[in-house]
Structure formats: C-alpha cells, structure tokens
Protein backbone atom coordinates (compact mmCIF):
# COMPACT_ATOMS: atom_id res chain seq x y z
CA UNK A 1 40.93 87.15 40.85
CA UNK A 2 38.99 87.73 44.08
CA UNK A 3 39.59 90.74 46.29
CA UNK A 4 42.13 89.86 48.99
CA UNK A 5 42.53 91.55 52.36
CA UNK A 6 45.64 90.65 54.36
CA UNK A 7 45.54 90.31 58.14
CA UNK A 8 48.39 92.54 59.37
CA UNK A 9 48.65 90.73 62.72
CA UNK A 10 48.81 87.24 61.22
CA UNK A 11 50.91 88.03 58.14
CA UNK A 12 54.34 88.00 59.68
CA UNK A 13 57.50 86.11 60.49
CA UNK A 14 56.51 83.27 62.82
CA UNK A 15 59.87 81.83 63.86
CA UNK A 16 61.76 83.42 66.74
CA UNK A 17 64.38 84.98 64.46
CA UNK A 18 67.23 83.46 66.44
CA UNK A 19 68.88 82.06 63.30
CA UNK A 20 69.50 84.82 60.74
CA UNK A 21 69.87 82.27 57.93
CA UNK A 22 66.48 80.59 58.42
CA UNK A 23 63.07 82.27 58.19
CA UNK A 24 59.52 80.94 58.51
CA UNK A 25 56.83 83.35 57.30
CA UNK A 26 53.02 83.11 57.31
CA UNK A 27 50.61 85.07 55.12
CA UNK A 28 46.98 85.09 56.23
CA UNK A 29 43.99 86.92 54.89
CA UNK A 30 40.53 86.73 53.43
CA UNK A 31 39.42 86.59 49.84
CA UNK A 32 36.00 87.72 48.69
CA UNK A 33 34.18 87.22 45.44
CA UNK A 34 30.49 87.38 44.62
CA UNK A 35 29.59 87.81 48.28
CA UNK A 36 31.51 84.72 49.40
CA UNK A 37 34.40 84.96 51.86
CA UNK A 38 37.32 82.52 52.16
CA UNK A 39 40.19 82.38 54.61
CA UNK A 40 43.51 81.99 52.81
CA UNK A 41 46.85 80.97 54.28
CA UNK A 42 50.31 80.46 52.90
CA UNK A 43 53.53 79.57 54.68
CA UNK A 44 57.13 79.42 53.57
CA UNK A 45 60.39 78.48 55.21
CA UNK A 46 63.67 79.58 53.69
CA UNK A 47 66.72 77.74 55.01
CA UNK A 48 70.03 79.26 53.95
CA UNK A 49 72.15 77.79 56.73
CA UNK A 50 75.50 76.33 55.74
CA UNK A 51 74.97 72.83 54.35
CA UNK A 52 71.24 73.24 53.62
CA UNK A 53 70.10 72.10 50.16
CA UNK A 54 69.03 75.66 49.25
CA UNK A 55 72.38 77.13 50.31
CA UNK A 56 74.42 74.42 48.58
CA UNK A 57 72.62 75.10 45.28
CA UNK A 58 73.84 78.72 45.25
CA UNK A 59 77.10 80.39 44.41
CA UNK A 60 78.76 82.17 47.36
CA UNK A 61 77.77 85.57 45.93
CA UNK A 62 74.14 84.51 45.40
CA UNK A 63 74.01 83.01 48.89
CA UNK A 64 75.28 86.22 50.47
CA UNK A 65 72.66 88.25 48.60
CA UNK A 66 69.87 85.79 49.45
CA UNK A 67 70.79 85.89 53.14
CA UNK A 68 70.45 89.67 53.21
CA UNK A 69 66.94 89.42 51.68
CA UNK A 70 65.79 86.24 53.46
CA UNK A 71 62.73 87.76 55.18
CA UNK A 72 61.59 89.49 51.99
CA UNK A 73 61.96 86.25 50.02
CA UNK A 74 60.06 84.21 52.63
CA UNK A 75 57.27 86.81 52.70
CA UNK A 76 56.87 86.76 48.91
CA UNK A 77 56.85 82.97 48.88
CA UNK A 78 54.20 82.81 51.63
CA UNK A 79 52.01 85.39 49.86
CA UNK A 80 52.39 83.49 46.59
CA UNK A 81 51.30 80.25 48.26
CA UNK A 82 48.28 81.95 49.84
CA UNK A 83 47.25 83.38 46.46
CA UNK A 84 47.74 79.97 44.81
CA UNK A 85 45.23 78.54 47.26
CA UNK A 86 42.61 80.54 45.34
CA UNK A 87 43.38 78.51 42.25
CA UNK A 88 45.67 79.17 39.34
CA UNK A 89 49.07 80.75 39.40
CA UNK A 90 49.31 84.41 40.41
CA UNK A 91 51.33 86.65 38.16
CA UNK A 92 54.43 88.43 39.49
CA UNK A 93 52.41 91.66 39.42
CA UNK A 94 49.72 90.11 41.64
CA UNK A 95 52.38 88.93 44.10
CA UNK A 96 53.97 92.41 44.18
CA UNK A 97 50.53 93.95 44.77
CA UNK A 98 50.07 91.50 47.67
CA UNK A 99 53.44 92.52 49.13
CA UNK A 100 52.40 96.15 49.23
CA UNK A 101 48.83 95.42 50.36
CA UNK A 102 50.17 93.34 53.26
CA UNK A 103 52.37 96.09 54.61
CA UNK A 104 54.95 96.78 51.94
CA UNK A 105 58.58 95.84 52.25
CA UNK A 106 58.66 95.92 56.03
CA UNK A 107 60.96 93.02 56.80
CA UNK A 108 60.25 93.03 60.50
CA UNK A 109 56.62 92.04 60.13
C-alpha cells in the first residue's frame, strides 16, 4: 500500500452540524509510491434521522449507540472510501491507522 498523508484542514466534517443525527464527512490526502503522487478523496454521509433507511434497519438500542458515534462512523467510512480509491480493499488495521494518522478520534474535526 502506498504511503498516505492526510490533509488535516480538508479531512473533516463538511456539513453544518445542525442536525445531530446526520453527518457528512470528507477525507482528503495524498498517496505516494515510487515517486508518484496521487490526490485521494473519500466522502460519507450517515443519516440516522427518524424514518431514514439506515435508522429503520437498526434496533432502538443500536440506533441510540450509532447516534452517539455518528461522527466517528462517518469519518471511518470516508477514510475507508479514500483508501479504496487506491485499489483493493483496505484492512480494518489500515483504516484504524488512517484514523490515527488523520488526527485520531477527534470527533470535532
């Protein structure tokens, strides 16, 4: 897998945060391998509002837990999608490494 550097200013929540049950997150960075540089981007929207397909597929307990961790889940999904753009399917360990490399578990970014 290429070396990935995450852009701390562009890897962040991009919606206005006005709805606590919906989150749009963008992960942006560069990947380098063998002297070549690529821009990578991944985006994810998690919609856990009442009546949304994602919310309706969950039990009430799972929905409550998912709503507490909505930003974290959107961030992981966006990072995963950015890494997938490099080809292949990143392992859970690679996604976790990306979480920490992009600023850790900070949910505000």
